[in-house]
Protein backbone atom coordinates (compact mmCIF):
# COMPACT_ATOMS: atom_id res chain seq x y z
CA MET A 1 -8.72 -4.30 65.25
CA GLY A 2 -11.84 -5.57 66.89
CA GLN A 3 -12.01 -3.39 69.84
CA GLU A 4 -14.07 -0.16 70.11
CA MET A 5 -12.64 2.76 68.56
CA THR A 6 -14.47 6.00 69.12
CA GLU A 7 -11.69 8.47 70.10
CA PRO A 8 -9.50 10.30 67.53
CA ALA A 9 -6.51 8.54 68.80
CA ASP A 10 -8.16 5.31 67.80
CA VAL A 11 -7.49 5.95 64.03
CA ARG A 12 -5.56 2.87 63.21
CA GLN A 13 -3.01 2.91 60.62
CA ASP A 14 -0.62 0.70 58.63
CA VAL A 15 1.87 1.72 56.04
CA ALA A 16 3.63 -0.01 53.38
CA ARG A 17 6.24 1.65 50.88
CA TYR A 18 3.44 2.90 48.37
CA SER A 19 0.23 2.68 50.47
CA LEU A 20 -1.51 3.75 53.74
CA ARG A 21 -4.30 1.90 55.52
CA SER A 22 -6.42 4.00 57.99
CA SER A 23 -9.38 2.15 59.92
CA LEU A 24 -11.74 3.76 62.52
CA LEU A 25 -15.00 2.85 64.09
CA VAL A 26 -17.74 5.14 63.43
CA PRO A 27 -20.91 5.18 65.97
CA ALA A 28 -23.39 5.79 63.17
CA SER A 29 -24.93 3.71 60.38
CA ALA A 30 -23.23 3.00 57.08
CA GLU A 31 -25.67 5.27 55.48
CA ARG A 32 -24.75 8.21 57.82
CA ALA A 33 -20.88 7.50 57.82
CA PHE A 34 -20.83 7.47 53.75
CA ALA A 35 -23.06 10.58 53.76
CA VAL A 36 -20.87 12.60 56.13
CA PHE A 37 -17.58 11.33 54.41
CA THR A 38 -18.93 12.27 50.83
CA GLY A 39 -21.46 15.12 51.52
CA ALA A 40 -20.20 17.13 54.40
CA LEU A 41 -16.28 17.51 53.38
CA THR A 42 -16.33 21.19 54.12
CA ASP A 43 -17.22 20.38 57.70
CA TRP A 44 -14.52 18.09 58.21
CA TRP A 45 -11.54 18.63 55.95
CA VAL A 46 -8.61 20.59 57.29
CA ARG A 47 -9.04 23.99 55.58
CA GLU A 48 -5.13 24.56 55.66
CA TYR A 49 -4.95 21.37 53.40
CA THR A 50 -6.77 23.30 50.70
CA TRP A 51 -5.35 25.34 47.77
CA SER A 52 -7.89 28.40 48.93
CA GLY A 53 -6.76 28.13 52.51
CA PRO A 54 -8.87 28.75 55.54
CA ALA A 55 -9.90 32.10 55.12
CA ALA A 56 -11.04 31.79 51.32
CA LEU A 57 -12.27 28.37 51.11
CA ALA A 58 -16.14 28.22 50.21
CA LYS A 59 -16.76 24.74 49.63
CA LEU A 60 -15.47 21.03 49.16
CA GLY A 61 -17.54 18.76 47.26
CA VAL A 62 -17.94 15.49 45.60
CA GLU A 63 -20.07 14.98 42.63
CA PRO A 64 -22.09 11.81 43.46
CA ARG A 65 -21.54 9.53 40.61
CA ALA A 66 -18.51 7.68 38.91
CA GLY A 67 -16.75 9.91 36.81
CA GLY A 68 -17.82 12.98 39.04
CA MET A 69 -15.16 15.28 40.55
CA LEU A 70 -14.00 15.97 43.88
CA TYR A 71 -13.44 19.64 44.19
CA GLU A 72 -13.05 22.72 45.91
CA ILE A 73 -14.57 26.26 45.40
CA GLY A 74 -12.47 29.03 46.60
CA PRO A 75 -12.28 32.87 46.24
CA TYR A 76 -14.74 34.33 43.81
CA GLY A 77 -16.34 31.13 43.13
CA PHE A 78 -12.90 29.61 41.57
CA ARG A 79 -13.32 25.72 41.23
CA SER A 80 -10.28 23.44 41.49
CA ASP A 81 -10.83 19.65 40.71
CA TRP A 82 -8.48 17.52 42.64
CA GLY A 83 -9.85 14.02 42.18
CA ARG A 84 -12.28 12.03 40.24
CA VAL A 85 -14.65 9.50 41.45
CA LEU A 86 -13.81 5.99 40.09
CA THR A 87 -16.39 3.87 42.07
CA TRP A 88 -19.58 5.36 43.64
CA ASP A 89 -21.44 2.68 45.68
CA PRO A 90 -23.39 4.39 48.44
CA PRO A 91 -23.23 3.27 51.34
CA ARG A 92 -20.43 0.59 50.94
CA ARG A 93 -17.58 1.98 48.76
CA LEU A 94 -15.98 4.98 47.13
CA VAL A 95 -12.93 5.08 45.23
CA PHE A 96 -11.28 8.40 43.77
CA THR A 97 -8.13 9.47 42.21
CA TRP A 98 -5.99 11.77 44.34
CA GLN A 99 -4.78 14.30 41.66
CA ILE A 100 -2.71 16.39 44.03
CA GLY A 101 1.27 16.03 43.79
CA PRO A 102 3.72 16.04 46.60
CA ASP A 103 4.37 19.63 45.69
CA ARG A 104 0.68 20.53 46.10
CA VAL A 105 0.46 21.07 42.37
CA PRO A 106 -2.49 19.50 40.45
CA VAL A 107 -1.65 16.32 38.44
CA PRO A 108 -4.06 16.49 35.49
CA ASP A 109 -3.09 12.84 34.27
CA PRO A 110 -4.94 10.21 36.30
CA ALA A 111 -2.31 7.58 35.43
CA GLN A 112 0.02 9.73 37.49
CA ALA A 113 -2.23 10.12 40.44
CA SER A 114 -2.52 7.86 43.56
CA GLU A 115 -5.93 6.34 44.52
CA VAL A 116 -8.24 6.47 47.52
CA GLU A 117 -10.56 3.60 48.49
CA VAL A 118 -13.06 3.96 51.40
CA LEU A 119 -15.03 1.17 52.54
CA PHE A 120 -17.99 1.50 54.98
CA LEU A 121 -18.36 -1.96 56.94
CA PRO A 122 -21.49 -2.24 59.15
CA GLU A 123 -20.79 -3.84 62.67
CA GLY A 124 -23.96 -3.29 63.75
CA PRO A 125 -27.05 -0.99 63.40
CA GLU A 126 -25.22 2.12 64.55
CA ARG A 127 -21.65 1.01 64.10
CA THR A 128 -19.56 1.24 61.08
CA ARG A 129 -15.99 0.28 60.28
CA VAL A 130 -14.38 2.87 57.87
CA GLU A 131 -11.45 1.74 56.09
CA VAL A 132 -9.32 4.10 54.04
CA GLU A 133 -6.67 2.89 51.78
CA HIS A 134 -4.57 5.60 49.93
CA ARG A 135 -2.49 3.53 47.30
CA HIS A 136 -0.14 3.94 44.14
CA PHE A 137 1.89 6.61 45.82
CA ASP A 138 4.65 5.10 43.41
CA ARG A 139 2.70 6.98 40.53
CA HIS A 140 3.84 10.51 42.19
CA GLY A 141 7.44 9.59 41.14
CA GLU A 142 10.69 10.08 43.11
CA ALA A 143 8.80 12.07 45.94
CA ALA A 144 6.40 8.92 46.47
CA GLU A 145 7.83 7.68 49.74
CA GLY A 146 7.95 11.17 51.46
CA TYR A 147 4.65 11.85 50.06
CA ARG A 148 3.15 8.69 51.86
CA GLN A 149 4.99 9.73 55.04
CA ALA A 150 3.32 13.20 55.04
CA LEU A 151 -0.02 11.84 54.30
CA THR A 152 0.08 9.38 57.05
CA ALA A 153 -0.11 12.44 59.48
CA GLY A 154 -2.45 14.30 57.11
CA TRP A 155 -4.88 11.24 56.98
CA HIS A 156 -4.86 10.99 60.91
CA GLU A 157 -5.88 14.39 61.20
CA LEU A 158 -8.62 14.22 58.53
CA LEU A 159 -10.00 11.07 59.86
CA SER A 160 -10.04 12.27 63.46
CA ARG A 161 -12.09 15.34 62.14
CA TYR A 162 -14.36 13.20 60.07
CA LEU A 163 -15.03 11.04 63.20
CA ALA A 164 -15.95 14.07 65.09
CA SER A 165 -18.28 15.02 62.42
CA ALA A 166 -19.81 11.61 61.70
CA ILE A 167 -20.97 11.27 65.42
CA PRO A 168 -24.77 11.88 65.56
CA GLN A 169 -25.58 14.77 67.57
CA PRO A 170 -28.40 14.38 70.34
């Protein structure tokens, strides 16, 4: 994975039964890569992947602290929390729970939620390798393996969009 990756097709993925690892090279500083990942979700997240849907989604966000929530704001200001920040270490690392079940129903118990770790690894002043591991799919029960398979395509799309948003504009 040492070659330059700057196209969406260059999101690399490795899967195991209950985890998915994705890696991409972002032509931006670690600070910018982290800021776009955490502070601009609404700009790059696939709106069809939200509960509100493309027409009604108002905002996606991350409360910037350990214990903060990942949330969606939809129609009429309705807020839905879908994850909790476990580690907030800008611009190096973010870990959060994925409290969305395979049936797209909220998972209130974090012990039954999968987990996402995102590392921002500088490879120069304006190059950052972003590594995303979505793990512990087994916590989602019998549908775990199918859910991991579905999210393999989902994360590829999300990270392709993230890459496009993270590239600094001239």
